Amino acid sequence: MAKHTTSENNDSSEHSHHGPSGHHGHHGHHIRPRRGNFIIAGLTSGHGVFHWFLQSFLVLLPEIEAAFGLSKVGVGLISTTRETVSGIITLPGGVLADIFRRHWGLLLALCMGVFGIGWLLVGQAPVFPVLLIGVSVVATAASMWHLPALASLSHHYSHRRGTALSFHGVGGNIGDAVSPVVTGFLLGYLAWKDILSIYAVVPMGLAFLVFWAFKDIGRNIENENTKNDTGQLSQTRAILRNPLIWMITVIGGIRGMAFIALVTFLPSYLSNDLELSDLMRGVYFGLLVAVGIFFTPVMGYLSDRFGRREVLVPGMIFLAIVVMLMSIFEDTAIILILICLLGTFFYSDQPILTAAALDIVGEGVATTTLGSLSFARFVLSASSPIIAGFLYDNYSMDHVFYYVAALMISAALLLVFVPLKSPSLNGGHNHH
């Protein structure tokens, strides 16, 4: 769910020593190609593990709803808990990750291990409040993973940031695409609690591998950026005072509201309204992301080439139209086509918004930026599953579709007024 965006005004980005076009813009070339590929592959795979679980959980939601006798608002409360905790964690998490960037490898390993423990809690939850505690642990680990992962990619690949971040997004998308089908299949043989408990063993084991692979990932960055903590904090304050950053953040928040509302209740809609089997529910959900796997790097490339806004605005309007069509048609074949069309941009916009933010801020505060953006985005999106649950409980899923489409249109309209420069002017392809 990825996660995660910001900006300093355009003038400052061109003169910043740590900005994409500044003196450190060439550091991406210092990494040996083989090592660079290893970093992308490793972080992308780790991202895939996180999303495997998160997406499996969404497929299991109708089972959890039945097991605990939840209303749609109760189902929404699960997603709201996750969003709220994620938001609370990311703001201080971003600042701490910047200050302790020498220990990014250890942080990534801890995130992976704690993630597994959280899922074990969810899988073994005897009552609903314990399940919410498990979801909170999971959200903490998943949010913290994204901060050093995205910041290190942004640093090492400053010359093609949109592409690198989109590849990281693809790792998440692969987990998203495969896991619903596998989980839907397993539901034919195992209870939802057993599936989650078995899954939980994987990240706990992977934590050691992650530490070995990435123990040095932040050290060279520490050496290159000689800023002291006071300088760090003053840059952080400058970021938080920048109106452009907050505009991007609000747009990310509105987009997050639409995203979380749709993914929370789409499984229930497929299961309850369209009466699909567990396996077919997994297949439909998996196809949503499988299409996203292909289109996310394509859209990332196009945003590097033509500009972030030029790709985001038409993409968001297109999503709104597709979601509105889903409220009109109930034929399962047409819904399948619309879900595939939804996938073309549904997962692409967040990495591009993140890249837009990082185009503007300095590398030294990349994780702080991501943390600030994520915090505000999660705060905005936290209420959305409960709102959508209320609409679903009291009206119908069609009203959830209207709600999501309205949010997408609002995000697109706001984005029209954000003065983003094209990546080529912003330093995306400049190395002087």
Protein backbone atom coordinates (compact mmCIF):
# COMPACT_ATOMS: atom_id res chain seq x y z
CA MET A 1 0.00 0.00 0.00
CA ALA A 2 2.63 1.88 -0.34
CA LYS A 3 3.30 3.77 0.38
CA HIS A 4 4.63 7.25 0.67
CA THR A 5 5.59 11.90 -0.75
CA THR A 6 6.75 15.93 -0.43
CA SER A 7 8.47 19.22 -1.75
CA GLU A 8 10.43 22.49 -1.24
CA ASN A 9 9.71 25.40 -3.45
CA ASN A 10 10.99 25.11 -6.95
CA ASP A 11 13.60 27.81 -6.58
CA SER A 12 15.29 26.17 -3.64
CA SER A 13 15.46 22.81 -5.35
CA GLU A 14 17.61 24.21 -8.12
CA HIS A 15 20.21 25.60 -5.72
CA SER A 16 20.14 22.97 -2.97
CA HIS A 17 23.37 21.05 -2.51
CA HIS A 18 21.39 17.93 -1.92
CA GLY A 19 18.67 18.34 -4.51
CA PRO A 20 18.32 16.18 -7.58
CA SER A 21 20.16 18.66 -9.76
CA GLY A 22 22.66 19.79 -7.14
CA HIS A 23 26.18 18.63 -6.43
CA HIS A 24 25.12 15.29 -5.07
CA GLY A 25 22.99 14.40 -8.04
CA HIS A 26 25.78 12.24 -9.46
CA HIS A 27 26.05 9.92 -6.45
CA GLY A 28 23.76 7.49 -8.15
CA HIS A 29 26.69 6.73 -10.45
CA HIS A 30 29.09 5.87 -7.62
CA ILE A 31 27.40 2.56 -6.96
CA ARG A 32 28.75 -0.34 -8.92
CA PRO A 33 26.09 -1.42 -11.44
CA ARG A 34 25.97 -4.93 -9.97
CA ARG A 35 25.55 -3.61 -6.42
CA GLY A 36 22.96 -1.10 -7.67
CA ASN A 37 20.95 -3.88 -9.30
CA PHE A 38 21.21 -5.92 -6.08
CA ILE A 39 19.80 -2.99 -4.05
CA ILE A 40 16.86 -2.56 -6.40
CA ALA A 41 16.20 -6.32 -6.56
CA GLY A 42 16.50 -6.81 -2.78
CA LEU A 43 14.34 -3.86 -1.76
CA THR A 44 11.81 -4.70 -4.45
CA SER A 45 11.57 -8.32 -3.22
CA GLY A 46 11.19 -7.20 0.41
CA HIS A 47 8.44 -4.83 -0.66
CA GLY A 48 6.76 -7.78 -2.37
CA VAL A 49 6.68 -9.73 0.93
CA PHE A 50 4.94 -6.85 2.74
CA HIS A 51 2.33 -6.51 0.05
CA TRP A 52 1.75 -10.26 -0.21
CA PHE A 53 0.46 -10.18 3.35
CA LEU A 54 -1.43 -6.93 3.12
CA GLN A 55 -3.26 -8.03 -0.01
CA SER A 56 -3.96 -11.53 1.34
CA PHE A 57 -5.53 -9.88 4.36
CA LEU A 58 -7.91 -7.90 2.13
CA VAL A 59 -9.01 -11.14 0.42
CA LEU A 60 -9.59 -12.67 3.88
CA LEU A 61 -11.69 -9.71 5.11
CA PRO A 62 -15.09 -11.30 4.22
CA GLU A 63 -14.02 -14.36 6.30
CA ILE A 64 -12.90 -12.14 9.20
CA GLU A 65 -16.15 -10.15 8.91
CA ALA A 66 -18.13 -13.39 9.32
CA ALA A 67 -15.89 -14.82 12.10
CA PHE A 68 -16.25 -11.76 14.36
CA GLY A 69 -19.81 -10.83 13.23
CA LEU A 70 -18.73 -7.37 12.02
CA SER A 71 -20.80 -4.68 10.27
CA LYS A 72 -19.28 -2.91 7.25
CA VAL A 73 -18.29 -0.07 9.60
CA GLY A 74 -16.49 -2.70 11.74
CA VAL A 75 -14.63 -3.89 8.63
CA GLY A 76 -13.79 -0.26 7.89
CA LEU A 77 -12.44 0.10 11.45
CA ILE A 78 -9.75 -2.51 10.65
CA SER A 79 -8.47 -0.41 7.71
CA THR A 80 -8.86 2.80 9.72
CA THR A 81 -6.72 1.34 12.53
CA ARG A 82 -4.04 0.44 10.02
CA GLU A 83 -4.09 3.88 8.38
CA THR A 84 -4.07 5.74 11.72
CA VAL A 85 -1.15 3.79 13.16
CA SER A 86 0.76 4.14 9.91
CA GLY A 87 0.29 7.89 10.04
CA ILE A 88 1.35 8.20 13.68
CA ILE A 89 4.50 6.16 13.00
CA THR A 90 5.68 7.78 9.79
CA LEU A 91 6.24 11.34 11.04
CA PRO A 92 8.70 10.61 13.88
CA GLY A 93 9.86 7.54 11.92
CA GLY A 94 10.94 9.71 9.00
CA VAL A 95 12.96 12.08 11.22
CA LEU A 96 14.62 9.18 13.09
CA ALA A 97 15.43 7.32 9.88
CA ASP A 98 17.21 10.42 8.55
CA ILE A 99 19.24 10.90 11.73
CA PHE A 100 20.19 7.21 12.02
CA ARG A 101 20.70 6.50 8.36
CA ARG A 102 23.91 4.54 9.13
CA HIS A 103 21.64 1.85 10.61
CA TRP A 104 19.11 1.56 7.80
CA GLY A 105 20.01 -2.12 7.32
CA LEU A 106 19.16 -2.96 10.94
CA LEU A 107 15.93 -0.94 10.68
CA LEU A 108 14.86 -2.82 7.53
CA ALA A 109 15.58 -6.18 9.25
CA LEU A 110 13.60 -5.21 12.38
CA CYS A 111 10.68 -4.13 10.24
CA MET A 112 10.61 -7.51 8.50
CA GLY A 113 10.76 -9.49 11.81
CA VAL A 114 8.13 -7.39 13.63
CA PHE A 115 5.89 -7.64 10.57
CA GLY A 116 5.81 -11.45 10.97
CA ILE A 117 5.07 -11.18 14.71
CA GLY A 118 2.15 -8.83 13.94
CA TRP A 119 0.58 -11.30 11.52
CA LEU A 120 0.96 -14.10 14.06
CA LEU A 121 -1.04 -11.95 16.50
CA VAL A 122 -3.74 -11.34 13.86
CA GLY A 123 -3.92 -15.03 12.94
CA GLN A 124 -4.25 -16.14 16.57
CA ALA A 125 -6.56 -13.31 17.75
CA PRO A 126 -9.24 -14.73 20.10
CA VAL A 127 -11.27 -11.48 20.11
CA PHE A 128 -11.62 -8.47 17.80
CA PRO A 129 -9.54 -5.99 19.93
CA VAL A 130 -6.52 -8.38 19.80
CA LEU A 131 -6.89 -8.51 16.02
CA LEU A 132 -6.76 -4.68 15.95
CA ILE A 133 -3.57 -4.77 18.08
CA GLY A 134 -2.01 -7.21 15.60
CA VAL A 135 -3.05 -4.94 12.71
CA SER A 136 -1.37 -2.01 14.55
CA VAL A 137 1.92 -3.95 14.87
CA VAL A 138 1.76 -4.87 11.18
CA ALA A 139 1.09 -1.25 10.19
CA THR A 140 4.05 -0.01 12.27
CA ALA A 141 6.49 -2.40 10.59
CA ALA A 142 5.16 -1.83 7.06
CA SER A 143 5.27 1.98 7.37
CA MET A 144 8.79 2.03 8.76
CA TRP A 145 10.07 -0.28 5.98
CA HIS A 146 9.02 2.15 3.27
CA LEU A 147 10.93 5.14 4.65
CA PRO A 148 14.59 3.93 4.39
CA ALA A 149 13.75 1.75 1.36
CA LEU A 150 12.34 4.62 -0.70
CA ALA A 151 14.95 7.13 0.51
CA SER A 152 17.90 4.85 -0.35
CA LEU A 153 16.48 4.25 -3.84
CA SER A 154 15.92 7.97 -4.28
CA HIS A 155 19.57 8.59 -3.33
CA HIS A 156 21.23 5.85 -5.34
CA TYR A 157 19.14 6.54 -8.45
CA SER A 158 18.73 10.32 -8.36
CA HIS A 159 19.23 10.43 -12.14
CA ARG A 160 16.16 8.21 -12.79
CA ARG A 161 14.19 8.50 -9.59
CA GLY A 162 10.70 7.99 -11.06
CA THR A 163 11.79 4.75 -12.70
CA ALA A 164 13.57 3.37 -9.58
CA LEU A 165 10.65 4.17 -7.25
CA SER A 166 8.24 2.64 -9.74
CA PHE A 167 10.27 -0.59 -9.81
CA HIS A 168 10.03 -0.69 -6.00
CA GLY A 169 6.30 -0.24 -6.50
CA VAL A 170 6.29 -3.19 -8.90
CA GLY A 171 7.72 -5.45 -6.16
CA GLY A 172 4.73 -4.54 -4.02
CA ASN A 173 2.43 -5.08 -6.98
CA ILE A 174 3.78 -8.57 -7.69
CA GLY A 175 3.03 -9.51 -4.06
CA ASP A 176 -0.38 -7.88 -4.48
CA ALA A 177 -1.14 -9.76 -7.71
CA VAL A 178 -0.05 -13.29 -6.79
CA SER A 179 -1.17 -13.42 -3.15
CA PRO A 180 -4.96 -13.00 -3.69
CA VAL A 181 -5.04 -15.98 -6.06
CA VAL A 182 -2.88 -18.15 -3.75
CA THR A 183 -4.86 -17.08 -0.67
CA GLY A 184 -8.21 -17.61 -2.43
CA PHE A 185 -7.04 -21.13 -3.37
CA LEU A 186 -5.82 -21.90 0.17
CA LEU A 187 -9.19 -20.80 1.60
CA GLY A 188 -10.63 -23.92 -0.04
CA TYR A 189 -8.49 -26.05 2.30
CA LEU A 190 -7.53 -23.95 5.38
CA ALA A 191 -9.21 -21.54 7.79
CA TRP A 192 -8.20 -17.87 7.52
CA LYS A 193 -6.44 -18.02 10.90
CA ASP A 194 -4.27 -20.94 9.78
CA ILE A 195 -3.31 -19.20 6.53
CA LEU A 196 -2.12 -16.06 8.34
CA SER A 197 -0.26 -18.03 11.00
CA ILE A 198 1.62 -20.06 8.36
CA TYR A 199 2.40 -16.92 6.35
CA ALA A 200 3.78 -15.19 9.48
CA VAL A 201 6.78 -17.53 9.68
CA VAL A 202 8.21 -16.21 6.37
CA PRO A 203 9.09 -12.59 7.32
CA MET A 204 10.41 -13.71 10.72
CA GLY A 205 12.93 -15.93 8.89
CA LEU A 206 13.70 -13.31 6.22
CA ALA A 207 14.68 -10.69 8.82
CA PHE A 208 18.18 -12.22 9.16
CA LEU A 209 18.68 -12.29 5.39
CA VAL A 210 17.59 -8.64 5.09
CA PHE A 211 20.11 -7.56 7.74
CA TRP A 212 22.95 -9.41 5.98
CA ALA A 213 22.04 -7.95 2.59
CA PHE A 214 21.52 -4.32 3.58
CA LYS A 215 23.64 -3.72 6.71
CA ASP A 216 25.74 -1.09 4.87
CA ILE A 217 23.01 0.47 2.72
CA GLY A 218 22.98 3.83 4.51
CA ARG A 219 26.61 4.27 5.50
CA ASN A 220 27.94 5.84 2.33
CA ILE A 221 25.10 8.36 2.42
CA GLU A 222 26.11 9.36 5.94
CA ASN A 223 29.64 10.06 4.76
CA GLU A 224 28.51 12.13 1.82
CA ASN A 225 26.10 14.33 3.76
CA THR A 226 28.04 16.07 6.48
CA LYS A 227 25.05 18.00 7.81
CA ASN A 228 24.69 18.03 11.59
CA ASP A 229 21.44 17.30 13.40
CA THR A 230 20.70 21.02 13.83
CA GLY A 231 20.95 21.50 10.08
CA GLN A 232 18.77 18.44 9.67
CA LEU A 233 16.05 19.88 11.87
CA SER A 234 16.15 23.30 10.23
CA GLN A 235 15.74 21.65 6.81
CA THR A 236 12.87 19.63 8.21
CA ARG A 237 11.19 22.83 9.44
CA ALA A 238 11.69 24.40 5.99
CA ILE A 239 9.99 21.38 4.40
CA LEU A 240 7.06 21.53 6.80
CA ARG A 241 6.60 25.27 6.11
CA ASN A 242 6.59 24.83 2.35
CA PRO A 243 3.08 25.24 0.89
CA LEU A 244 3.96 23.27 -2.24
CA ILE A 245 4.79 20.23 -0.14
CA TRP A 246 1.49 20.45 1.65
CA MET A 247 -0.40 20.74 -1.61
CA ILE A 248 1.21 17.53 -2.86
CA THR A 249 0.48 15.97 0.53
CA VAL A 250 -3.20 16.88 0.48
CA ILE A 251 -3.52 15.48 -3.04
CA GLY A 252 -1.81 12.28 -1.87
CA GLY A 253 -4.23 12.20 1.09
CA ILE A 254 -7.34 12.53 -1.08
CA ARG A 255 -5.98 9.89 -3.43
CA GLY A 256 -5.27 7.69 -0.38
CA MET A 257 -8.89 8.14 0.79
CA ALA A 258 -10.14 6.83 -2.56
CA PHE A 259 -7.66 3.96 -2.65
CA ILE A 260 -8.27 2.61 0.85
CA ALA A 261 -12.07 2.88 0.53
CA LEU A 262 -12.08 0.86 -2.68
CA VAL A 263 -9.60 -1.88 -1.67
CA THR A 264 -11.30 -2.38 1.72
CA PHE A 265 -14.74 -3.11 0.28
CA LEU A 266 -14.04 -4.50 -3.19
CA PRO A 267 -13.55 -8.05 -1.74
CA SER A 268 -16.91 -7.82 0.11
CA TYR A 269 -18.57 -6.53 -3.08
CA LEU A 270 -17.14 -9.41 -5.14
CA SER A 271 -18.10 -11.94 -2.47
CA ASN A 272 -21.49 -10.64 -1.27
CA ASP A 273 -22.94 -8.65 -4.20
CA LEU A 274 -21.51 -10.57 -7.18
CA GLU A 275 -21.44 -13.92 -5.27
CA LEU A 276 -18.00 -14.94 -6.55
CA SER A 277 -16.22 -17.96 -5.01
CA ASP A 278 -13.17 -17.51 -2.74
CA LEU A 279 -10.85 -18.45 -5.59
CA MET A 280 -12.54 -16.15 -8.15
CA ARG A 281 -12.53 -13.30 -5.62
CA GLY A 282 -8.77 -13.81 -5.39
CA VAL A 283 -8.43 -13.96 -9.19
CA TYR A 284 -10.37 -10.70 -9.73
CA PHE A 285 -8.38 -8.92 -7.05
CA GLY A 286 -5.13 -10.40 -8.38
CA LEU A 287 -5.89 -9.18 -11.91
CA LEU A 288 -6.40 -5.64 -10.61
CA VAL A 289 -2.77 -5.61 -9.55
CA ALA A 290 -1.37 -7.79 -12.33
CA VAL A 291 -2.31 -5.05 -14.76
CA GLY A 292 -0.73 -2.57 -12.32
CA ILE A 293 2.55 -4.54 -12.45
CA PHE A 294 2.87 -3.80 -16.12
CA PHE A 295 1.69 -0.21 -16.06
CA THR A 296 3.42 1.13 -12.93
CA PRO A 297 6.96 1.29 -14.44
CA VAL A 298 5.48 2.51 -17.75
CA MET A 299 3.76 5.40 -15.97
CA GLY A 300 6.91 6.05 -13.91
CA TYR A 301 8.93 6.33 -17.13
CA LEU A 302 6.32 8.60 -18.74
CA SER A 303 6.38 10.86 -15.66
CA ASP A 304 10.21 11.08 -15.89
CA ARG A 305 9.88 11.86 -19.60
CA PHE A 306 6.89 14.23 -19.81
CA GLY A 307 6.29 15.49 -16.28
CA ARG A 308 4.53 14.27 -13.15
CA ARG A 309 1.36 16.36 -13.50
CA GLU A 310 0.99 15.54 -17.21
CA VAL A 311 0.63 11.87 -16.28
CA LEU A 312 -1.22 12.18 -12.95
CA VAL A 313 -4.16 14.42 -13.93
CA PRO A 314 -5.43 12.37 -16.92
CA GLY A 315 -4.75 9.16 -14.95
CA MET A 316 -6.90 10.21 -11.98
CA ILE A 317 -9.77 11.37 -14.21
CA PHE A 318 -9.62 8.04 -16.06
CA LEU A 319 -9.86 6.16 -12.72
CA ALA A 320 -12.92 8.19 -11.73
CA ILE A 321 -14.67 7.30 -15.00
CA VAL A 322 -13.89 3.57 -14.60
CA VAL A 323 -15.16 3.52 -11.00
CA MET A 324 -18.40 5.24 -12.07
CA LEU A 325 -18.89 2.58 -14.75
CA MET A 326 -18.51 -0.09 -12.03
CA SER A 327 -21.60 1.39 -10.35
CA ILE A 328 -23.60 1.00 -13.58
CA PHE A 329 -22.74 -2.57 -14.61
CA GLU A 330 -23.23 -5.74 -12.54
CA ASP A 331 -22.32 -8.35 -15.14
CA THR A 332 -19.27 -10.24 -13.81
CA ALA A 333 -17.53 -10.23 -17.22
CA ILE A 334 -17.89 -6.43 -17.59
CA ILE A 335 -16.75 -5.92 -13.97
CA LEU A 336 -13.67 -8.01 -14.75
CA ILE A 337 -12.85 -5.76 -17.75
CA LEU A 338 -13.38 -2.62 -15.63
CA ILE A 339 -11.15 -4.02 -12.84
CA CYS A 340 -8.39 -4.58 -15.43
CA LEU A 341 -8.84 -0.99 -16.72
CA LEU A 342 -8.70 0.23 -13.10
CA GLY A 343 -5.34 -1.53 -12.71
CA THR A 344 -3.73 0.57 -15.47
CA PHE A 345 -3.34 3.52 -13.12
CA PHE A 346 -4.64 2.48 -9.69
CA TYR A 347 -1.18 1.63 -8.33
CA SER A 348 0.87 3.99 -10.52
CA ASP A 349 -0.07 7.35 -9.08
CA GLN A 350 1.45 6.99 -5.60
CA PRO A 351 5.08 6.34 -6.74
CA ILE A 352 4.78 9.30 -9.13
CA LEU A 353 3.49 11.58 -6.35
CA THR A 354 6.42 10.41 -4.20
CA ALA A 355 8.86 11.19 -7.04
CA ALA A 356 7.29 14.66 -7.45
CA ALA A 357 7.99 15.41 -3.80
CA LEU A 358 11.55 14.09 -3.91
CA ASP A 359 12.23 16.13 -7.07
CA ILE A 360 11.93 19.19 -4.88
CA VAL A 361 13.47 18.36 -1.47
CA GLY A 362 17.08 17.69 -0.63
CA GLU A 363 18.40 14.13 -0.34
CA GLY A 364 19.52 14.73 3.24
CA VAL A 365 15.91 14.92 4.39
CA ALA A 366 14.37 12.40 2.00
CA THR A 367 13.03 10.13 4.73
CA THR A 368 11.80 13.10 6.75
CA THR A 369 9.95 14.28 3.67
CA LEU A 370 8.45 10.85 3.07
CA GLY A 371 7.47 10.62 6.73
CA SER A 372 5.78 14.03 6.73
CA LEU A 373 3.88 13.23 3.55
CA SER A 374 2.84 9.81 4.72
CA PHE A 375 1.70 11.18 8.07
CA ALA A 376 -0.57 13.77 6.51
CA ARG A 377 -1.82 11.31 3.89
CA PHE A 378 -2.69 8.69 6.49
CA VAL A 379 -4.42 11.27 8.70
CA LEU A 380 -6.60 12.23 5.75
CA SER A 381 -7.31 8.68 4.62
CA ALA A 382 -7.88 7.16 8.11
CA SER A 383 -11.57 8.07 8.25
CA SER A 384 -12.27 6.91 4.69
CA PRO A 385 -12.94 3.17 5.34
CA ILE A 386 -15.48 4.06 8.05
CA ILE A 387 -17.20 6.57 5.72
CA ALA A 388 -17.25 3.96 2.93
CA GLY A 389 -18.47 1.27 5.41
CA PHE A 390 -21.32 3.56 6.47
CA LEU A 391 -22.29 4.14 2.82
CA TYR A 392 -22.15 0.39 2.11
CA ASP A 393 -24.15 -0.55 5.26
CA ASN A 394 -26.85 2.10 4.80
CA TYR A 395 -27.10 2.49 1.02
CA SER A 396 -25.13 0.24 -1.36
CA MET A 397 -21.71 -0.40 -2.88
CA ASP A 398 -22.73 1.97 -5.71
CA HIS A 399 -22.51 4.82 -3.21
CA VAL A 400 -18.98 3.72 -2.30
CA PHE A 401 -18.12 3.90 -6.03
CA TYR A 402 -19.59 7.45 -6.26
CA TYR A 403 -17.58 8.47 -3.19
CA VAL A 404 -14.31 7.09 -4.64
CA ALA A 405 -14.89 8.74 -8.05
CA ALA A 406 -15.60 12.12 -6.40
CA LEU A 407 -12.32 11.89 -4.46
CA MET A 408 -10.32 11.06 -7.60
CA ILE A 409 -11.80 14.03 -9.49
CA SER A 410 -11.05 16.33 -6.51
CA ALA A 411 -7.39 15.18 -6.43
CA ALA A 412 -7.04 15.76 -10.18
CA LEU A 413 -8.56 19.27 -9.99
CA LEU A 414 -6.24 20.27 -7.13
CA LEU A 415 -3.22 18.95 -9.00
CA VAL A 416 -3.96 21.26 -11.92
CA PHE A 417 -3.06 24.20 -9.66
CA VAL A 418 0.21 22.78 -8.27
CA PRO A 419 3.22 24.47 -9.94
CA LEU A 420 5.41 21.43 -10.57
CA LYS A 421 8.31 21.78 -13.01
CA SER A 422 9.01 19.09 -15.53
CA PRO A 423 11.64 16.52 -14.40
CA SER A 424 14.06 17.63 -17.11
CA LEU A 425 14.06 21.18 -15.69
CA ASN A 426 13.97 19.92 -12.13
CA GLY A 427 17.18 18.01 -12.46
CA GLY A 428 15.92 14.53 -13.27
CA HIS A 429 18.30 14.31 -16.22
CA ASN A 430 20.87 16.93 -15.26
CA HIS A 431 24.17 16.01 -13.66
CA HIS A 432 26.18 19.19 -13.71
